[in-house]
Amino acid sequence: MAATPKPSPSKASELIILTGLSGSGKASALKAFEDLGFYSVDNLPLELLPRFADLVRQSAEIDRAALVVDVREGQTLERFPAILQQIKKSLATTVIFLEASDAALLRRYSETRRPHPLGKSGMVRPALESERTLLDPVRNVADITLDTSNFNVHELRAYLQAKFETESTGRNLLISSISFGYKNGVPLEADLVFDVRFLPNPHFIPEFRKLTGRHSKVAAYVRNFPQTQEFLDKVTEMLLFLLPYYIQEGKSYLTVAFGCTGGQHRSVAIAEEVKKRLDKHGYRVKTAHRDMPRSSRT
């Protein structure tokens, strides 16, 4: 009797599992996926997850789904890695873990005055500590870990929509070229990180200090150095080498991050220039500038 072939991940269907800390933005993230056309479910019992994945894989009407799994599952979260491994054998599945700093979460709970699911009658901080411990097995198997400390609701939704939107022709690799300041830490969602602090800093030019790397004069200043052009050429060459292999392996999004000290001048200019270069080669690229001052985004 011939052996039954093992199922392979479906190319036509996609499942997003949203998880993470309470207050990190899971509800807003789920709404963002719903707006993108995903069939969305909140707080599905963990035991039903394999059955739901089968439904998505076999359904003629549902090809993209998103659901939330979080601390409300309690101790059963320990089984999540094993269940996830089972699901990934037959369905393209991405786990997104949302988190934020304790300071950001405490501020959000203070503003909303909502109780933490683990501390309805007590203090929020101890509840957050317990939640981090319970969610540790889930965080360890996440495909994307996103720190939302510096995002408001609208920025989080815009980020996810830009990262996961698809064209009608099917799934395509979406590249995010982002800038950041090292003083605020490296973005956890970055796949590739480049340090551009070796370039001369426009911050020390008085006329540039209040501008950003999106201003034509600042961008021209950054590009004018020989080391800038050599760096851009080498990075572009490396990305053009890597991207076809990422696509071949089924990767649907890639985040390339460029960091300088404050995230206002050099990293912004480089991220924008890399986008232009990859655009010319037919890739879908979006830019985002995490630490660029909102008051001077020109």
C-alpha atoms as a PDB file:
ATOM      1  CA  MET A   1       0.000   0.000   0.000  1.00  0.00           C
ATOM      2  CA  ALA A   2       1.435   3.339  -1.027  1.00  0.00           C
ATOM      3  CA  ALA A   3       2.210   5.805   1.712  1.00  0.00           C
ATOM      4  CA  THR A   4      -0.083   8.800   1.946  1.00  0.00           C
ATOM      5  CA  PRO A   5       1.861  11.945   1.002  1.00  0.00           C
ATOM      6  CA  LYS A   6       2.186  14.551   3.732  1.00  0.00           C
ATOM      7  CA  PRO A   7       0.219  17.754   3.174  1.00  0.00           C
ATOM      8  CA  SER A   8       2.248  20.753   2.112  1.00  0.00           C
ATOM      9  CA  PRO A   9       1.563  24.349   3.156  1.00  0.00           C
ATOM     10  CA  SER A  10      -1.189  25.885   1.054  1.00  0.00           C
ATOM     11  CA  LYS A  11      -0.045  28.645  -1.261  1.00  0.00           C
ATOM     12  CA  ALA A  12      -3.562  30.025  -1.726  1.00  0.00           C
ATOM     13  CA  SER A  13      -4.491  30.391   1.934  1.00  0.00           C
ATOM     14  CA  GLU A  14      -2.958  32.359   4.775  1.00  0.00           C
ATOM     15  CA  LEU A  15      -3.521  32.453   8.522  1.00  0.00           C
ATOM     16  CA  ILE A  16      -2.349  35.255  10.803  1.00  0.00           C
ATOM     17  CA  ILE A  17      -2.289  34.541  14.536  1.00  0.00           C
ATOM     18  CA  LEU A  18      -2.228  37.737  16.593  1.00  0.00           C
ATOM     19  CA  THR A  19      -1.010  37.403  20.137  1.00  0.00           C
ATOM     20  CA  GLY A  20       0.870  39.403  22.746  1.00  0.00           C
ATOM     21  CA  LEU A  21       0.465  41.502  25.834  1.00  0.00           C
ATOM     22  CA  SER A  22      -2.835  42.982  26.934  1.00  0.00           C
ATOM     23  CA  GLY A  23      -2.848  46.649  25.963  1.00  0.00           C
ATOM     24  CA  SER A  24      -0.329  46.213  23.147  1.00  0.00           C
ATOM     25  CA  GLY A  25      -2.902  46.817  20.415  1.00  0.00           C
ATOM     26  CA  LYS A  26      -4.268  43.388  19.462  1.00  0.00           C
ATOM     27  CA  ALA A  27      -7.834  44.653  18.993  1.00  0.00           C
ATOM     28  CA  SER A  28      -6.673  47.447  16.692  1.00  0.00           C
ATOM     29  CA  ALA A  29      -4.431  45.018  14.811  1.00  0.00           C
ATOM     30  CA  LEU A  30      -7.287  42.566  14.297  1.00  0.00           C
ATOM     31  CA  LYS A  31      -9.460  45.382  12.956  1.00  0.00           C
ATOM     32  CA  ALA A  32      -6.668  46.344  10.550  1.00  0.00           C
ATOM     33  CA  PHE A  33      -6.595  42.801   9.167  1.00  0.00           C
ATOM     34  CA  GLU A  34     -10.371  42.764   8.904  1.00  0.00           C
ATOM     35  CA  ASP A  35     -10.169  45.946   6.825  1.00  0.00           C
ATOM     36  CA  LEU A  36      -7.682  44.155   4.551  1.00  0.00           C
ATOM     37  CA  GLY A  37     -10.264  41.468   3.827  1.00  0.00           C
ATOM     38  CA  PHE A  38      -9.150  38.866   6.371  1.00  0.00           C
ATOM     39  CA  TYR A  39     -11.814  36.704   8.003  1.00  0.00           C
ATOM     40  CA  SER A  40     -11.259  37.753  11.629  1.00  0.00           C
ATOM     41  CA  VAL A  41     -11.929  35.952  14.912  1.00  0.00           C
ATOM     42  CA  ASP A  42     -11.177  37.170  18.443  1.00  0.00           C
ATOM     43  CA  ASN A  43     -10.291  34.834  21.312  1.00  0.00           C
ATOM     44  CA  LEU A  44     -10.736  31.481  19.582  1.00  0.00           C
ATOM     45  CA  PRO A  45     -10.273  28.624  22.096  1.00  0.00           C
ATOM     46  CA  LEU A  46      -6.884  27.026  21.567  1.00  0.00           C
ATOM     47  CA  GLU A  47      -8.429  23.560  21.173  1.00  0.00           C
ATOM     48  CA  LEU A  48     -10.342  24.786  18.106  1.00  0.00           C
ATOM     49  CA  LEU A  49      -7.298  26.239  16.373  1.00  0.00           C
ATOM     50  CA  PRO A  50      -6.446  23.147  14.242  1.00  0.00           C
ATOM     51  CA  ARG A  51     -10.095  22.822  13.177  1.00  0.00           C
ATOM     52  CA  PHE A  52     -10.213  26.510  12.233  1.00  0.00           C
ATOM     53  CA  ALA A  53      -6.991  26.157  10.215  1.00  0.00           C
ATOM     54  CA  ASP A  54      -8.537  23.244   8.314  1.00  0.00           C
ATOM     55  CA  LEU A  55     -11.576  25.391   7.562  1.00  0.00           C
ATOM     56  CA  VAL A  56      -9.403  28.141   6.111  1.00  0.00           C
ATOM     57  CA  ARG A  57      -7.374  25.681   4.059  1.00  0.00           C
ATOM     58  CA  GLN A  58     -10.413  23.886   2.636  1.00  0.00           C
ATOM     59  CA  SER A  59     -12.821  26.800   2.247  1.00  0.00           C
ATOM     60  CA  ALA A  60     -13.579  28.116  -1.221  1.00  0.00           C
ATOM     61  CA  GLU A  61     -14.595  31.475   0.232  1.00  0.00           C
ATOM     62  CA  ILE A  62     -11.980  32.124   2.945  1.00  0.00           C
ATOM     63  CA  ASP A  63      -8.376  32.374   1.815  1.00  0.00           C
ATOM     64  CA  ARG A  64      -7.031  34.858   4.373  1.00  0.00           C
ATOM     65  CA  ALA A  65      -7.876  34.720   8.069  1.00  0.00           C
ATOM     66  CA  ALA A  66      -6.662  36.390  11.249  1.00  0.00           C
ATOM     67  CA  LEU A  67      -7.378  35.450  14.834  1.00  0.00           C
ATOM     68  CA  VAL A  68      -6.337  36.412  18.342  1.00  0.00           C
ATOM     69  CA  VAL A  69      -4.848  34.011  20.877  1.00  0.00           C
ATOM     70  CA  ASP A  70      -3.834  35.597  24.153  1.00  0.00           C
ATOM     71  CA  VAL A  71      -3.515  35.243  27.906  1.00  0.00           C
ATOM     72  CA  ARG A  72      -7.228  34.524  28.288  1.00  0.00           C
ATOM     73  CA  GLU A  73      -6.291  30.942  27.363  1.00  0.00           C
ATOM     74  CA  GLY A  74      -4.458  30.601  30.671  1.00  0.00           C
ATOM     75  CA  GLN A  75      -2.214  27.592  31.272  1.00  0.00           C
ATOM     76  CA  THR A  76      -3.238  25.951  27.984  1.00  0.00           C
ATOM     77  CA  LEU A  77      -0.869  28.395  26.240  1.00  0.00           C
ATOM     78  CA  GLU A  78       1.889  25.874  26.972  1.00  0.00           C
ATOM     79  CA  ARG A  79       0.390  23.732  24.202  1.00  0.00           C
ATOM     80  CA  PHE A  80       0.528  26.527  21.634  1.00  0.00           C
ATOM     81  CA  PRO A  81       3.972  25.678  20.129  1.00  0.00           C
ATOM     82  CA  ALA A  82       2.945  22.075  19.451  1.00  0.00           C
ATOM     83  CA  ILE A  83      -0.399  23.103  17.940  1.00  0.00           C
ATOM     84  CA  LEU A  84       1.333  25.729  15.793  1.00  0.00           C
ATOM     85  CA  GLN A  85       3.821  23.179  14.476  1.00  0.00           C
ATOM     86  CA  GLN A  86       0.929  20.959  13.455  1.00  0.00           C
ATOM     87  CA  ILE A  87      -0.910  23.771  11.672  1.00  0.00           C
ATOM     88  CA  LYS A  88       2.130  24.983   9.748  1.00  0.00           C
ATOM     89  CA  LYS A  89       2.429  21.595   8.050  1.00  0.00           C
ATOM     90  CA  SER A  90      -0.696  22.297   6.011  1.00  0.00           C
ATOM     91  CA  LEU A  91      -1.268  26.063   6.047  1.00  0.00           C
ATOM     92  CA  ALA A  92       0.928  29.128   5.601  1.00  0.00           C
ATOM     93  CA  THR A  93       0.777  30.618   9.094  1.00  0.00           C
ATOM     94  CA  THR A  94       2.378  33.723  10.581  1.00  0.00           C
ATOM     95  CA  VAL A  95       2.433  34.482  14.313  1.00  0.00           C
ATOM     96  CA  ILE A  96       2.623  38.177  15.219  1.00  0.00           C
ATOM     97  CA  PHE A  97       3.474  38.942  18.845  1.00  0.00           C
ATOM     98  CA  LEU A  98       2.635  42.475  19.968  1.00  0.00           C
ATOM     99  CA  GLU A  99       4.365  43.863  23.020  1.00  0.00           C
ATOM    100  CA  ALA A 100       5.213  47.199  24.599  1.00  0.00           C
ATOM    101  CA  SER A 101       7.246  48.569  27.469  1.00  0.00           C
ATOM    102  CA  ASP A 102       5.777  48.456  30.973  1.00  0.00           C
ATOM    103  CA  ALA A 103       5.717  52.265  30.995  1.00  0.00           C
ATOM    104  CA  ALA A 104       3.640  52.377  27.798  1.00  0.00           C
ATOM    105  CA  LEU A 105       1.257  49.658  28.979  1.00  0.00           C
ATOM    106  CA  LEU A 106       0.759  51.262  32.386  1.00  0.00           C
ATOM    107  CA  ARG A 107       0.010  54.573  30.706  1.00  0.00           C
ATOM    108  CA  ARG A 108      -2.552  52.958  28.399  1.00  0.00           C
ATOM    109  CA  TYR A 109      -4.290  51.202  31.274  1.00  0.00           C
ATOM    110  CA  SER A 110      -4.348  54.470  33.191  1.00  0.00           C
ATOM    111  CA  GLU A 111      -5.925  56.269  30.232  1.00  0.00           C
ATOM    112  CA  THR A 112      -8.561  53.627  29.476  1.00  0.00           C
ATOM    113  CA  ARG A 113      -9.201  52.662  33.123  1.00  0.00           C
ATOM    114  CA  ARG A 114      -9.846  49.097  32.016  1.00  0.00           C
ATOM    115  CA  PRO A 115      -8.774  46.220  34.281  1.00  0.00           C
ATOM    116  CA  HIS A 116      -6.041  43.828  33.211  1.00  0.00           C
ATOM    117  CA  PRO A 117      -7.455  40.327  32.500  1.00  0.00           C
ATOM    118  CA  LEU A 118      -5.103  38.858  35.131  1.00  0.00           C
ATOM    119  CA  GLY A 119      -5.563  41.599  37.701  1.00  0.00           C
ATOM    120  CA  LYS A 120      -9.163  42.752  37.743  1.00  0.00           C
ATOM    121  CA  SER A 121      -9.054  43.496  41.428  1.00  0.00           C
ATOM    122  CA  GLY A 122      -5.382  44.337  41.840  1.00  0.00           C
ATOM    123  CA  MET A 123      -2.444  46.317  40.505  1.00  0.00           C
ATOM    124  CA  VAL A 124      -1.569  46.301  36.791  1.00  0.00           C
ATOM    125  CA  ARG A 125       2.217  45.936  37.081  1.00  0.00           C
ATOM    126  CA  PRO A 126       2.192  42.498  38.821  1.00  0.00           C
ATOM    127  CA  ALA A 127      -0.420  41.346  36.313  1.00  0.00           C
ATOM    128  CA  LEU A 128       1.864  42.362  33.440  1.00  0.00           C
ATOM    129  CA  GLU A 129       4.721  40.367  34.954  1.00  0.00           C
ATOM    130  CA  SER A 130       2.524  37.283  35.227  1.00  0.00           C
ATOM    131  CA  GLU A 131       1.281  37.771  31.677  1.00  0.00           C
ATOM    132  CA  ARG A 132       4.813  37.969  30.257  1.00  0.00           C
ATOM    133  CA  THR A 133       5.609  34.658  31.946  1.00  0.00           C
ATOM    134  CA  LEU A 134       2.477  32.934  30.650  1.00  0.00           C
ATOM    135  CA  LEU A 135       3.059  34.201  27.115  1.00  0.00           C
ATOM    136  CA  ASP A 136       6.738  33.285  26.976  1.00  0.00           C
ATOM    137  CA  PRO A 137       6.143  29.974  25.099  1.00  0.00           C
ATOM    138  CA  VAL A 138       4.117  31.878  22.505  1.00  0.00           C
ATOM    139  CA  ARG A 139       6.651  34.677  22.116  1.00  0.00           C
ATOM    140  CA  ASN A 140       9.427  32.148  21.522  1.00  0.00           C
ATOM    141  CA  VAL A 141       7.733  30.813  18.371  1.00  0.00           C
ATOM    142  CA  ALA A 142       6.547  34.151  16.957  1.00  0.00           C
ATOM    143  CA  ASP A 143       7.525  34.984  13.380  1.00  0.00           C
ATOM    144  CA  ILE A 144       7.229  38.725  13.998  1.00  0.00           C
ATOM    145  CA  THR A 145       7.680  40.528  17.322  1.00  0.00           C
ATOM    146  CA  LEU A 146       6.424  44.097  17.140  1.00  0.00           C
ATOM    147  CA  ASP A 147       7.031  46.667  19.867  1.00  0.00           C
ATOM    148  CA  THR A 148       4.092  49.095  19.822  1.00  0.00           C
ATOM    149  CA  SER A 149       5.385  51.400  22.573  1.00  0.00           C
ATOM    150  CA  ASN A 150       5.812  54.309  20.159  1.00  0.00           C
ATOM    151  CA  PHE A 151       2.710  53.594  18.045  1.00  0.00           C
ATOM    152  CA  ASN A 152      -0.680  55.154  18.481  1.00  0.00           C
ATOM    153  CA  VAL A 153      -3.753  53.287  17.227  1.00  0.00           C
ATOM    154  CA  HIS A 154      -3.680  54.895  13.798  1.00  0.00           C
ATOM    155  CA  GLU A 155       0.042  54.300  13.269  1.00  0.00           C
ATOM    156  CA  LEU A 156      -0.261  50.633  14.229  1.00  0.00           C
ATOM    157  CA  ARG A 157      -3.130  50.111  11.807  1.00  0.00           C
ATOM    158  CA  ALA A 158      -1.277  51.925   9.025  1.00  0.00           C
ATOM    159  CA  TYR A 159       1.866  49.872   9.636  1.00  0.00           C
ATOM    160  CA  LEU A 160       0.058  46.534   9.485  1.00  0.00           C
ATOM    161  CA  GLN A 161      -2.013  47.510   6.473  1.00  0.00           C
ATOM    162  CA  ALA A 162       1.107  48.588   4.595  1.00  0.00           C
ATOM    163  CA  LYS A 163       2.948  45.417   5.549  1.00  0.00           C
ATOM    164  CA  PHE A 164       0.225  42.912   4.722  1.00  0.00           C
ATOM    165  CA  GLU A 165      -1.727  44.437   1.876  1.00  0.00           C
ATOM    166  CA  THR A 166      -1.660  42.420  -1.346  1.00  0.00           C
ATOM    167  CA  GLU A 167      -2.424  43.102  -4.968  1.00  0.00           C
ATOM    168  CA  SER A 168      -5.211  41.315  -6.807  1.00  0.00           C
ATOM    169  CA  THR A 169      -2.657  39.230  -8.668  1.00  0.00           C
ATOM    170  CA  GLY A 170      -1.825  37.347  -5.473  1.00  0.00           C
ATOM    171  CA  ARG A 171       0.741  37.432  -2.704  1.00  0.00           C
ATOM    172  CA  ASN A 172       3.798  39.530  -3.391  1.00  0.00           C
ATOM    173  CA  LEU A 173       6.872  40.387  -1.411  1.00  0.00           C
ATOM    174  CA  LEU A 174       6.308  43.712   0.329  1.00  0.00           C
ATOM    175  CA  ILE A 175       9.480  45.475   1.446  1.00  0.00           C
ATOM    176  CA  SER A 176       9.426  48.017   4.260  1.00  0.00           C
ATOM    177  CA  SER A 177      12.387  50.393   4.190  1.00  0.00           C
ATOM    178  CA  ILE A 178      12.357  51.993   7.612  1.00  0.00           C
ATOM    179  CA  SER A 179      14.478  54.462   9.540  1.00  0.00           C
ATOM    180  CA  PHE A 180      15.087  54.599  13.279  1.00  0.00           C
ATOM    181  CA  GLY A 181      17.265  56.196  15.934  1.00  0.00           C
ATOM    182  CA  TYR A 182      19.577  53.990  17.971  1.00  0.00           C
ATOM    183  CA  LYS A 183      18.855  56.113  21.035  1.00  0.00           C
ATOM    184  CA  ASN A 184      15.369  54.538  21.029  1.00  0.00           C
ATOM    185  CA  GLY A 185      16.531  50.997  20.299  1.00  0.00           C
ATOM    186  CA  VAL A 186      16.558  48.746  17.241  1.00  0.00           C
ATOM    187  CA  PRO A 187      13.096  47.909  15.801  1.00  0.00           C
ATOM    188  CA  LEU A 188      12.215  44.348  16.799  1.00  0.00           C
ATOM    189  CA  GLU A 189      10.386  43.758  13.520  1.00  0.00           C
ATOM    190  CA  ALA A 190      13.509  44.415  11.416  1.00  0.00           C
ATOM    191  CA  ASP A 191      14.809  41.524   9.309  1.00  0.00           C
ATOM    192  CA  LEU A 192      17.953  43.355   8.159  1.00  0.00           C
ATOM    193  CA  VAL A 193      19.575  46.229  10.067  1.00  0.00           C
ATOM    194  CA  PHE A 194      22.173  48.688   8.735  1.00  0.00           C
ATOM    195  CA  ASP A 195      23.992  51.242  10.882  1.00  0.00           C
ATOM    196  CA  VAL A 196      24.527  54.515   8.969  1.00  0.00           C
ATOM    197  CA  ARG A 197      26.110  56.450  11.821  1.00  0.00           C
ATOM    198  CA  PHE A 198      29.413  56.324   9.907  1.00  0.00           C
ATOM    199  CA  LEU A 199      28.056  59.056   7.595  1.00  0.00           C
ATOM    200  CA  PRO A 200      28.578  62.766   8.412  1.00  0.00           C
ATOM    201  CA  ASN A 201      25.719  64.022  10.574  1.00  0.00           C
ATOM    202  CA  PRO A 202      23.534  66.859   9.163  1.00  0.00           C
ATOM    203  CA  HIS A 203      22.460  67.612  12.737  1.00  0.00           C
ATOM    204  CA  PHE A 204      25.630  69.676  13.152  1.00  0.00           C
ATOM    205  CA  ILE A 205      24.712  71.907  10.189  1.00  0.00           C
ATOM    206  CA  PRO A 206      22.555  74.692  11.697  1.00  0.00           C
ATOM    207  CA  GLU A 207      20.287  75.084   8.668  1.00  0.00           C
ATOM    208  CA  PHE A 208      19.581  71.324   8.620  1.00  0.00           C
ATOM    209  CA  ARG A 209      19.064  70.764  12.332  1.00  0.00           C
ATOM    210  CA  LYS A 210      15.273  71.241  12.326  1.00  0.00           C
ATOM    211  CA  LEU A 211      14.766  69.511   8.970  1.00  0.00           C
ATOM    212  CA  THR A 212      14.654  65.773   8.236  1.00  0.00           C
ATOM    213  CA  GLY A 213      16.184  63.453   5.699  1.00  0.00           C
ATOM    214  CA  ARG A 214      13.102  63.860   3.512  1.00  0.00           C
ATOM    215  CA  HIS A 215      14.031  67.471   2.795  1.00  0.00           C
ATOM    216  CA  SER A 216      15.750  67.752  -0.582  1.00  0.00           C
ATOM    217  CA  LYS A 217      18.712  69.742   0.790  1.00  0.00           C
ATOM    218  CA  VAL A 218      19.367  67.289   3.619  1.00  0.00           C
ATOM    219  CA  ALA A 219      19.020  64.296   1.296  1.00  0.00           C
ATOM    220  CA  ALA A 220      21.425  65.877  -1.206  1.00  0.00           C
ATOM    221  CA  TYR A 221      23.921  66.587   1.588  1.00  0.00           C
ATOM    222  CA  VAL A 222      23.831  62.953   2.781  1.00  0.00           C
ATOM    223  CA  ARG A 223      24.119  61.560  -0.765  1.00  0.00           C
ATOM    224  CA  ASN A 224      27.007  63.861  -1.664  1.00  0.00           C
ATOM    225  CA  PHE A 225      29.663  61.878   0.210  1.00  0.00           C
ATOM    226  CA  PRO A 226      31.557  59.136  -1.686  1.00  0.00           C
ATOM    227  CA  GLN A 227      31.048  56.665   1.164  1.00  0.00           C
ATOM    228  CA  THR A 228      27.291  57.214   0.917  1.00  0.00           C
ATOM    229  CA  GLN A 229      27.192  56.273  -2.744  1.00  0.00           C
ATOM    230  CA  GLU A 230      29.409  53.246  -2.172  1.00  0.00           C
ATOM    231  CA  PHE A 231      27.229  52.129   0.747  1.00  0.00           C
ATOM    232  CA  LEU A 232      24.029  52.547  -1.284  1.00  0.00           C
ATOM    233  CA  ASP A 233      25.507  50.642  -4.220  1.00  0.00           C
ATOM    234  CA  LYS A 234      26.625  47.739  -2.022  1.00  0.00           C
ATOM    235  CA  VAL A 235      23.360  47.548  -0.068  1.00  0.00           C
ATOM    236  CA  THR A 236      21.302  47.669  -3.259  1.00  0.00           C
ATOM    237  CA  GLU A 237      23.452  44.973  -4.848  1.00  0.00           C
ATOM    238  CA  MET A 238      23.070  42.748  -1.780  1.00  0.00           C
ATOM    239  CA  LEU A 239      19.277  43.242  -1.628  1.00  0.00           C
ATOM    240  CA  LEU A 240      18.886  42.494  -5.327  1.00  0.00           C
ATOM    241  CA  PHE A 241      20.790  39.262  -4.700  1.00  0.00           C
ATOM    242  CA  LEU A 242      18.728  38.289  -1.641  1.00  0.00           C
ATOM    243  CA  LEU A 243      15.200  39.242  -2.695  1.00  0.00           C
ATOM    244  CA  PRO A 244      14.633  36.529  -5.336  1.00  0.00           C
ATOM    245  CA  TYR A 245      15.676  33.896  -2.785  1.00  0.00           C
ATOM    246  CA  TYR A 246      13.336  35.327  -0.140  1.00  0.00           C
ATOM    247  CA  ILE A 247      10.514  35.178  -2.677  1.00  0.00           C
ATOM    248  CA  GLN A 248      11.472  31.624  -3.646  1.00  0.00           C
ATOM    249  CA  GLU A 249      11.210  30.582   0.011  1.00  0.00           C
ATOM    250  CA  GLY A 250       7.711  32.070   0.236  1.00  0.00           C
ATOM    251  CA  LYS A 251       8.524  35.194   2.243  1.00  0.00           C
ATOM    252  CA  SER A 252       5.754  37.754   1.778  1.00  0.00           C
ATOM    253  CA  TYR A 253       7.290  40.721   3.599  1.00  0.00           C
ATOM    254  CA  LEU A 254      10.741  41.981   4.471  1.00  0.00           C
ATOM    255  CA  THR A 255      11.694  44.838   6.778  1.00  0.00           C
ATOM    256  CA  VAL A 256      15.013  46.562   6.097  1.00  0.00           C
ATOM    257  CA  ALA A 257      15.975  49.052   8.803  1.00  0.00           C
ATOM    258  CA  PHE A 258      18.510  51.876   8.659  1.00  0.00           C
ATOM    259  CA  GLY A 259      19.599  53.477  11.906  1.00  0.00           C
ATOM    260  CA  CYS A 260      21.377  56.676  12.846  1.00  0.00           C
ATOM    261  CA  THR A 261      21.652  58.413  16.220  1.00  0.00           C
ATOM    262  CA  GLY A 262      18.298  60.179  16.377  1.00  0.00           C
ATOM    263  CA  GLY A 263      16.415  58.780  13.392  1.00  0.00           C
ATOM    264  CA  GLN A 264      15.857  62.195  11.827  1.00  0.00           C
ATOM    265  CA  HIS A 265      18.440  62.816   9.083  1.00  0.00           C
ATOM    266  CA  ARG A 266      20.805  60.132   7.784  1.00  0.00           C
ATOM    267  CA  SER A 267      18.642  57.052   8.305  1.00  0.00           C
ATOM    268  CA  VAL A 268      15.618  58.799   6.807  1.00  0.00           C
ATOM    269  CA  ALA A 269      17.499  59.885   3.699  1.00  0.00           C
ATOM    270  CA  ILE A 270      19.007  56.416   3.190  1.00  0.00           C
ATOM    271  CA  ALA A 271      15.684  54.610   3.682  1.00  0.00           C
ATOM    272  CA  GLU A 272      14.054  56.852   1.090  1.00  0.00           C
ATOM    273  CA  GLU A 273      16.916  56.380  -1.379  1.00  0.00           C
ATOM    274  CA  VAL A 274      16.861  52.588  -1.025  1.00  0.00           C
ATOM    275  CA  LYS A 275      13.123  52.643  -1.740  1.00  0.00           C
ATOM    276  CA  LYS A 276      13.740  54.582  -4.976  1.00  0.00           C
ATOM    277  CA  ARG A 277      16.417  52.147  -6.083  1.00  0.00           C
ATOM    278  CA  LEU A 278      14.320  49.048  -5.421  1.00  0.00           C
ATOM    279  CA  ASP A 279      11.287  50.684  -7.056  1.00  0.00           C
ATOM    280  CA  LYS A 280      13.283  50.896 -10.278  1.00  0.00           C
ATOM    281  CA  HIS A 281      13.738  47.133 -10.199  1.00  0.00           C
ATOM    282  CA  GLY A 282      10.006  46.496  -9.892  1.00  0.00           C
ATOM    283  CA  TYR A 283       9.761  45.700  -6.184  1.00  0.00           C
ATOM    284  CA  ARG A 284       6.929  46.903  -3.956  1.00  0.00           C
ATOM    285  CA  VAL A 285       8.526  49.108  -1.311  1.00  0.00           C
ATOM    286  CA  LYS A 286       7.088  51.332   1.406  1.00  0.00           C
ATOM    287  CA  THR A 287       8.933  53.626   3.778  1.00  0.00           C
ATOM    288  CA  ALA A 288       8.277  54.300   7.447  1.00  0.00           C
ATOM    289  CA  HIS A 289      10.201  56.599   9.774  1.00  0.00           C
ATOM    290  CA  ARG A 290       9.767  55.504  13.365  1.00  0.00           C
ATOM    291  CA  ASP A 291      11.613  58.287  15.147  1.00  0.00           C
ATOM    292  CA  MET A 292      11.341  61.181  12.718  1.00  0.00           C
ATOM    293  CA  PRO A 293       9.850  64.135  14.639  1.00  0.00           C
ATOM    294  CA  ARG A 294       6.182  64.577  13.757  1.00  0.00           C
ATOM    295  CA  SER A 295       6.506  68.334  14.012  1.00  0.00           C
ATOM    296  CA  SER A 296       9.175  68.494  11.281  1.00  0.00           C
ATOM    297  CA  ARG A 297       8.384  65.681   8.863  1.00  0.00           C
ATOM    298  CA  THR A 298       9.707  67.494   5.787  1.00  0.00           C
END
